[in-house]
């Protein structure tokens, strides 16, 4: 399972990295050679991030086969990482600092609905009819 996941990541990463280098969201387009001129420390941080992601994903796969945890709870815990990332972006990096009050209300609703959804998925095996 993990090897198929890793092959999928590789198959997606190469073309998408090239696409985002050629058509960036901001800044000038980059050539493929610019990637190799990047600082080695930044490349190592990227590899470290990928390793952490891989270990977390494999742990999620393993937990889904556990009778005590099960696939629904494992899925909910795995998606909880998305919530942690969103919280970090909003409260640590202040990504929405200049947003309108309406956008901030919608953001609060996103957090609430996400947490309610994760809770429902996590409790589904316990509360099944």
N, C-alpha and C. Protein backbone atom coordinates (compact mmCIF):
# COMPACT_ATOMS: atom_id res chain seq x y z
N UNK A 1 0.82 -1.19 0.00
CA UNK A 1 0.00 0.00 0.00
C UNK A 1 0.87 1.26 0.00
N UNK A 2 1.90 1.27 0.83
CA UNK A 2 2.76 2.45 0.94
C UNK A 2 3.54 2.68 -0.35
N UNK A 3 3.94 1.60 -1.01
CA UNK A 3 4.70 1.77 -2.26
C UNK A 3 3.81 2.34 -3.36
N UNK A 4 2.55 1.94 -3.40
CA UNK A 4 1.62 2.51 -4.39
C UNK A 4 1.39 3.99 -4.10
N UNK A 5 1.26 4.32 -2.82
CA UNK A 5 1.11 5.71 -2.42
C UNK A 5 2.33 6.53 -2.86
N UNK A 6 3.53 6.00 -2.60
CA UNK A 6 4.76 6.71 -2.97
C UNK A 6 4.87 6.88 -4.48
N UNK A 7 4.49 5.87 -5.24
CA UNK A 7 4.51 5.99 -6.71
C UNK A 7 3.51 7.05 -7.19
N UNK A 8 2.36 7.10 -6.54
CA UNK A 8 1.37 8.12 -6.89
C UNK A 8 1.86 9.52 -6.60
N UNK A 9 2.53 9.68 -5.46
CA UNK A 9 3.10 10.99 -5.11
C UNK A 9 4.14 11.40 -6.15
N UNK A 10 5.01 10.47 -6.51
CA UNK A 10 6.05 10.76 -7.50
C UNK A 10 5.43 11.11 -8.85
N UNK A 11 4.44 10.33 -9.27
CA UNK A 11 3.81 10.56 -10.57
C UNK A 11 3.10 11.92 -10.62
N UNK A 12 2.60 12.39 -9.49
CA UNK A 12 1.92 13.69 -9.46
C UNK A 12 2.89 14.84 -9.26
N UNK A 13 3.91 14.63 -8.45
CA UNK A 13 4.81 15.71 -8.07
C UNK A 13 5.62 16.24 -9.26
N UNK A 14 6.17 15.36 -10.04
CA UNK A 14 7.03 15.82 -11.14
C UNK A 14 6.31 16.73 -12.12
N UNK A 15 5.17 16.34 -12.68
CA UNK A 15 4.51 17.26 -13.61
C UNK A 15 3.92 18.50 -12.93
N UNK A 16 3.41 18.35 -11.72
CA UNK A 16 2.83 19.52 -11.05
C UNK A 16 3.88 20.52 -10.63
N UNK A 17 5.04 20.05 -10.16
CA UNK A 17 6.12 20.99 -9.84
C UNK A 17 6.52 21.78 -11.08
N UNK A 18 6.66 21.09 -12.19
CA UNK A 18 7.04 21.76 -13.43
C UNK A 18 5.97 22.77 -13.85
N UNK A 19 4.70 22.38 -13.75
CA UNK A 19 3.60 23.29 -14.11
C UNK A 19 3.61 24.53 -13.24
N UNK A 20 3.76 24.35 -11.92
CA UNK A 20 3.74 25.51 -11.02
C UNK A 20 5.00 26.36 -11.13
N UNK A 21 6.09 25.78 -11.62
CA UNK A 21 7.28 26.58 -11.87
C UNK A 21 7.09 27.43 -13.13
N UNK A 22 6.46 26.86 -14.13
CA UNK A 22 6.25 27.58 -15.39
C UNK A 22 5.12 28.61 -15.29
N UNK A 23 4.11 28.33 -14.49
CA UNK A 23 2.96 29.22 -14.33
C UNK A 23 2.71 29.47 -12.84
N UNK A 24 3.61 30.22 -12.17
CA UNK A 24 3.45 30.44 -10.72
C UNK A 24 2.28 31.35 -10.40
N UNK A 25 1.81 31.25 -9.17
CA UNK A 25 0.72 32.10 -8.71
C UNK A 25 1.19 33.55 -8.65
N UNK A 26 2.41 33.76 -8.19
CA UNK A 26 2.97 35.11 -8.17
C UNK A 26 4.45 35.02 -8.53
N UNK A 27 4.97 36.08 -9.06
CA UNK A 27 6.38 36.10 -9.44
C UNK A 27 6.58 35.62 -10.88
N UNK A 28 7.81 35.73 -11.34
CA UNK A 28 8.09 35.35 -12.73
C UNK A 28 8.16 33.82 -12.87
N UNK A 29 7.91 33.33 -14.08
CA UNK A 29 8.06 31.89 -14.32
C UNK A 29 9.51 31.45 -14.11
N UNK A 30 9.68 30.20 -13.71
CA UNK A 30 11.00 29.66 -13.45
C UNK A 30 11.31 28.54 -14.45
N UNK A 31 12.57 28.39 -14.75
CA UNK A 31 13.02 27.28 -15.59
C UNK A 31 13.35 26.09 -14.69
N UNK A 32 13.46 24.92 -15.27
CA UNK A 32 13.77 23.73 -14.50
C UNK A 32 15.13 23.85 -13.81
N UNK A 33 16.07 24.53 -14.45
CA UNK A 33 17.39 24.73 -13.85
C UNK A 33 17.35 25.54 -12.57
N UNK A 34 16.35 26.42 -12.44
CA UNK A 34 16.21 27.22 -11.22
C UNK A 34 15.95 26.34 -10.01
N UNK A 35 15.28 25.22 -10.22
CA UNK A 35 15.02 24.29 -9.12
C UNK A 35 16.33 23.79 -8.54
N UNK A 36 17.27 23.45 -9.41
CA UNK A 36 18.54 22.89 -8.95
C UNK A 36 19.49 23.94 -8.39
N UNK A 37 19.19 25.21 -8.61
CA UNK A 37 20.00 26.28 -8.03
C UNK A 37 19.52 26.68 -6.64
N UNK A 38 18.45 26.06 -6.18
CA UNK A 38 17.93 26.36 -4.84
C UNK A 38 18.89 25.88 -3.76
N UNK A 39 18.75 26.46 -2.59
CA UNK A 39 19.61 26.12 -1.45
C UNK A 39 19.39 24.66 -1.04
N UNK A 40 20.48 23.98 -0.77
CA UNK A 40 20.40 22.58 -0.38
C UNK A 40 19.59 22.36 0.89
N UNK A 41 19.66 23.30 1.82
CA UNK A 41 18.91 23.19 3.06
C UNK A 41 17.41 23.17 2.77
N UNK A 42 16.97 23.99 1.83
CA UNK A 42 15.55 24.02 1.49
C UNK A 42 15.11 22.71 0.85
N UNK A 43 15.97 22.12 0.03
CA UNK A 43 15.65 20.82 -0.55
C UNK A 43 15.56 19.75 0.54
N UNK A 44 16.47 19.80 1.49
CA UNK A 44 16.44 18.84 2.60
C UNK A 44 15.19 19.02 3.45
N UNK A 45 14.77 20.25 3.65
CA UNK A 45 13.52 20.49 4.39
C UNK A 45 12.33 19.91 3.63
N UNK A 46 12.35 20.03 2.32
CA UNK A 46 11.28 19.43 1.51
C UNK A 46 11.26 17.92 1.63
N UNK A 47 12.45 17.31 1.60
CA UNK A 47 12.54 15.86 1.76
C UNK A 47 12.07 15.46 3.15
N UNK A 48 12.47 16.21 4.17
CA UNK A 48 12.03 15.92 5.53
C UNK A 48 10.51 16.02 5.65
N UNK A 49 9.94 17.05 5.06
CA UNK A 49 8.48 17.20 5.07
C UNK A 49 7.80 16.02 4.38
N UNK A 50 8.36 15.56 3.26
CA UNK A 50 7.80 14.41 2.57
C UNK A 50 7.91 13.14 3.40
N UNK A 51 9.02 12.99 4.12
CA UNK A 51 9.18 11.82 4.98
C UNK A 51 8.17 11.84 6.12
N UNK A 52 7.95 13.00 6.70
CA UNK A 52 6.97 13.12 7.79
C UNK A 52 5.57 12.80 7.26
N UNK A 53 5.26 13.32 6.07
CA UNK A 53 3.96 13.04 5.44
C UNK A 53 3.82 11.54 5.18
N UNK A 54 4.87 10.92 4.65
CA UNK A 54 4.83 9.49 4.36
C UNK A 54 4.64 8.64 5.61
N UNK A 55 5.38 8.96 6.68
CA UNK A 55 5.24 8.21 7.93
C UNK A 55 3.82 8.38 8.50
N UNK A 56 3.30 9.59 8.44
CA UNK A 56 1.94 9.82 8.92
C UNK A 56 0.91 9.06 8.10
N UNK A 57 1.09 9.02 6.79
CA UNK A 57 0.15 8.31 5.93
C UNK A 57 0.22 6.81 6.16
N UNK A 58 1.43 6.28 6.26
CA UNK A 58 1.58 4.84 6.52
C UNK A 58 0.99 4.50 7.89
N UNK A 59 1.20 5.36 8.88
CA UNK A 59 0.61 5.13 10.20
C UNK A 59 -0.91 5.12 10.12
N UNK A 60 -1.45 5.99 9.30
CA UNK A 60 -2.90 6.04 9.10
C UNK A 60 -3.39 4.75 8.45
N UNK A 61 -2.65 4.25 7.46
CA UNK A 61 -3.02 2.98 6.81
C UNK A 61 -3.01 1.84 7.82
N UNK A 62 -1.96 1.78 8.63
CA UNK A 62 -1.84 0.71 9.62
C UNK A 62 -2.97 0.80 10.64
N UNK A 63 -3.26 1.99 11.12
CA UNK A 63 -4.31 2.17 12.13
C UNK A 63 -5.67 1.77 11.58
N UNK A 64 -5.89 1.95 10.29
CA UNK A 64 -7.20 1.62 9.73
C UNK A 64 -7.49 0.13 9.77
N UNK A 65 -6.44 -0.69 9.87
CA UNK A 65 -6.64 -2.14 9.95
C UNK A 65 -6.74 -2.64 11.39
N UNK A 66 -6.55 -1.77 12.34
CA UNK A 66 -6.64 -2.15 13.74
C UNK A 66 -8.11 -2.29 14.13
N UNK A 67 -8.44 -3.35 14.85
CA UNK A 67 -9.83 -3.54 15.28
C UNK A 67 -10.26 -2.47 16.27
N UNK A 68 -9.31 -1.98 17.06
CA UNK A 68 -9.63 -0.98 18.07
C UNK A 68 -9.91 0.39 17.44
N UNK A 69 -9.18 0.72 16.38
CA UNK A 69 -9.33 2.03 15.76
C UNK A 69 -10.32 1.97 14.60
N UNK A 70 -10.05 1.16 13.61
CA UNK A 70 -10.94 1.01 12.47
C UNK A 70 -10.74 2.09 11.43
N UNK A 71 -11.28 1.85 10.23
CA UNK A 71 -11.05 2.79 9.13
C UNK A 71 -11.68 4.17 9.33
N UNK A 72 -12.87 4.24 9.91
CA UNK A 72 -13.53 5.54 10.06
C UNK A 72 -12.76 6.45 11.01
N UNK A 73 -12.37 5.91 12.15
CA UNK A 73 -11.62 6.71 13.12
C UNK A 73 -10.25 7.08 12.58
N UNK A 74 -9.62 6.14 11.90
CA UNK A 74 -8.31 6.42 11.30
C UNK A 74 -8.42 7.54 10.27
N UNK A 75 -9.47 7.49 9.47
CA UNK A 75 -9.70 8.53 8.46
C UNK A 75 -9.89 9.89 9.16
N UNK A 76 -10.70 9.91 10.20
CA UNK A 76 -10.96 11.17 10.90
C UNK A 76 -9.68 11.73 11.50
N UNK A 77 -8.88 10.87 12.10
CA UNK A 77 -7.62 11.34 12.69
C UNK A 77 -6.66 11.84 11.61
N UNK A 78 -6.63 11.15 10.48
CA UNK A 78 -5.78 11.59 9.37
C UNK A 78 -6.20 12.94 8.82
N UNK A 79 -7.49 13.16 8.73
CA UNK A 79 -7.99 14.45 8.23
C UNK A 79 -7.86 15.53 9.30
N UNK A 80 -7.67 15.13 10.53
CA UNK A 80 -7.43 16.11 11.59
C UNK A 80 -6.15 16.90 11.34
N UNK A 81 -5.20 16.29 10.62
CA UNK A 81 -3.97 17.00 10.28
C UNK A 81 -4.27 18.22 9.41
N UNK A 82 -5.28 18.10 8.57
CA UNK A 82 -5.69 19.24 7.74
C UNK A 82 -6.19 20.37 8.64
N UNK A 83 -6.93 20.01 9.67
CA UNK A 83 -7.43 21.02 10.60
C UNK A 83 -6.28 21.69 11.34
N UNK A 84 -5.30 20.92 11.74
CA UNK A 84 -4.13 21.49 12.43
C UNK A 84 -3.42 22.47 11.50
N UNK A 85 -3.28 22.12 10.23
CA UNK A 85 -2.64 23.02 9.26
C UNK A 85 -3.44 24.30 9.09
N UNK A 86 -4.75 24.17 9.03
CA UNK A 86 -5.59 25.36 8.87
C UNK A 86 -5.50 26.26 10.11
N UNK A 87 -5.52 25.66 11.28
CA UNK A 87 -5.40 26.45 12.51
C UNK A 87 -4.06 27.17 12.56
N UNK A 88 -3.01 26.46 12.18
CA UNK A 88 -1.68 27.09 12.18
C UNK A 88 -1.63 28.26 11.19
N UNK A 89 -2.22 28.06 10.02
CA UNK A 89 -2.22 29.13 9.03
C UNK A 89 -2.97 30.37 9.49
N UNK A 90 -4.10 30.14 10.15
CA UNK A 90 -4.93 31.27 10.59
C UNK A 90 -4.35 31.96 11.82
N UNK A 91 -3.92 31.18 12.81
CA UNK A 91 -3.53 31.78 14.08
C UNK A 91 -2.04 32.04 14.24
N UNK A 92 -1.20 31.26 13.57
CA UNK A 92 0.24 31.47 13.68
C UNK A 92 0.73 32.39 12.57
N UNK A 93 0.38 32.05 11.32
CA UNK A 93 0.87 32.84 10.19
C UNK A 93 -0.06 34.00 9.84
N UNK A 94 -1.22 34.06 10.48
CA UNK A 94 -2.17 35.17 10.33
C UNK A 94 -2.51 35.43 8.85
N UNK A 95 -2.86 34.34 8.15
CA UNK A 95 -3.16 34.43 6.73
C UNK A 95 -4.40 35.27 6.44
N UNK A 96 -5.32 35.37 7.38
CA UNK A 96 -6.55 36.12 7.16
C UNK A 96 -6.59 37.39 8.00
N UNK A 97 -5.43 37.92 8.36
CA UNK A 97 -5.38 39.10 9.24
C UNK A 97 -6.11 40.29 8.63
N UNK A 98 -6.01 40.50 7.34
CA UNK A 98 -6.65 41.65 6.71
C UNK A 98 -8.00 41.34 6.09
N UNK A 99 -8.57 40.19 6.40
CA UNK A 99 -9.84 39.79 5.79
C UNK A 99 -11.00 40.56 6.40
N UNK A 100 -12.09 40.61 5.66
CA UNK A 100 -13.29 41.30 6.13
C UNK A 100 -13.94 40.49 7.25
N UNK A 101 -14.78 41.14 8.05
CA UNK A 101 -15.49 40.41 9.12
C UNK A 101 -16.34 39.26 8.57
N UNK A 102 -16.93 39.44 7.38
CA UNK A 102 -17.73 38.37 6.79
C UNK A 102 -16.86 37.15 6.47
N UNK A 103 -15.66 37.39 5.96
CA UNK A 103 -14.75 36.28 5.67
C UNK A 103 -14.32 35.57 6.94
N UNK A 104 -14.12 36.34 8.00
CA UNK A 104 -13.73 35.74 9.28
C UNK A 104 -14.86 34.90 9.87
N UNK A 105 -16.12 35.35 9.68
CA UNK A 105 -17.26 34.55 10.14
C UNK A 105 -17.34 33.24 9.35
N UNK A 106 -17.13 33.33 8.05
CA UNK A 106 -17.14 32.12 7.23
C UNK A 106 -16.02 31.17 7.64
N UNK A 107 -14.88 31.72 7.96
CA UNK A 107 -13.75 30.91 8.40
C UNK A 107 -14.09 30.18 9.71
N UNK A 108 -14.76 30.88 10.62
CA UNK A 108 -15.19 30.24 11.87
C UNK A 108 -16.17 29.11 11.57
N UNK A 109 -17.07 29.32 10.61
CA UNK A 109 -18.00 28.26 10.22
C UNK A 109 -17.28 27.07 9.63
N UNK A 110 -16.25 27.33 8.84
CA UNK A 110 -15.45 26.24 8.27
C UNK A 110 -14.87 25.38 9.38
N UNK A 111 -14.27 26.02 10.38
CA UNK A 111 -13.70 25.28 11.50
C UNK A 111 -14.77 24.47 12.22
N UNK A 112 -15.91 25.09 12.48
CA UNK A 112 -16.98 24.39 13.20
C UNK A 112 -17.48 23.19 12.42
N UNK A 113 -17.79 23.38 11.13
CA UNK A 113 -18.31 22.28 10.32
C UNK A 113 -17.27 21.17 10.14
N UNK A 114 -16.01 21.55 10.00
CA UNK A 114 -14.96 20.55 9.86
C UNK A 114 -14.88 19.70 11.12
N UNK A 115 -14.89 20.34 12.28
CA UNK A 115 -14.83 19.60 13.54
C UNK A 115 -16.07 18.73 13.75
N UNK A 116 -17.23 19.24 13.40
CA UNK A 116 -18.46 18.43 13.52
C UNK A 116 -18.38 17.23 12.59
N UNK A 117 -17.90 17.44 11.36
CA UNK A 117 -17.77 16.33 10.41
C UNK A 117 -16.79 15.28 10.90
N UNK A 118 -15.63 15.71 11.39
CA UNK A 118 -14.65 14.76 11.91
C UNK A 118 -15.21 13.99 13.09
N UNK A 119 -15.94 14.68 13.95
CA UNK A 119 -16.52 14.02 15.11
C UNK A 119 -17.54 12.98 14.67
N UNK A 120 -18.38 13.32 13.70
CA UNK A 120 -19.38 12.36 13.20
C UNK A 120 -18.71 11.12 12.60
N UNK A 121 -17.66 11.33 11.82
CA UNK A 121 -16.98 10.19 11.21
C UNK A 121 -16.31 9.34 12.29
N UNK A 122 -15.70 9.98 13.27
CA UNK A 122 -15.02 9.23 14.32
C UNK A 122 -16.01 8.45 15.20
N UNK A 123 -17.19 8.99 15.42
CA UNK A 123 -18.17 8.33 16.27
C UNK A 123 -19.06 7.34 15.52
N UNK A 124 -19.02 7.34 14.21
CA UNK A 124 -19.89 6.46 13.42
C UNK A 124 -19.77 4.99 13.80
N UNK A 125 -18.57 4.44 14.00
CA UNK A 125 -18.51 3.02 14.38
C UNK A 125 -19.12 2.74 15.76
N UNK A 126 -19.03 3.68 16.64
CA UNK A 126 -19.53 3.50 18.00
C UNK A 126 -21.07 3.60 18.03
N UNK A 127 -21.61 4.51 17.22
CA UNK A 127 -23.04 4.79 17.25
C UNK A 127 -23.82 4.06 16.17
N UNK A 128 -23.22 3.10 15.47
CA UNK A 128 -23.94 2.43 14.39
C UNK A 128 -25.14 1.66 14.94
N UNK A 129 -26.16 1.58 14.11
CA UNK A 129 -27.42 0.98 14.55
C UNK A 129 -27.34 -0.50 14.69
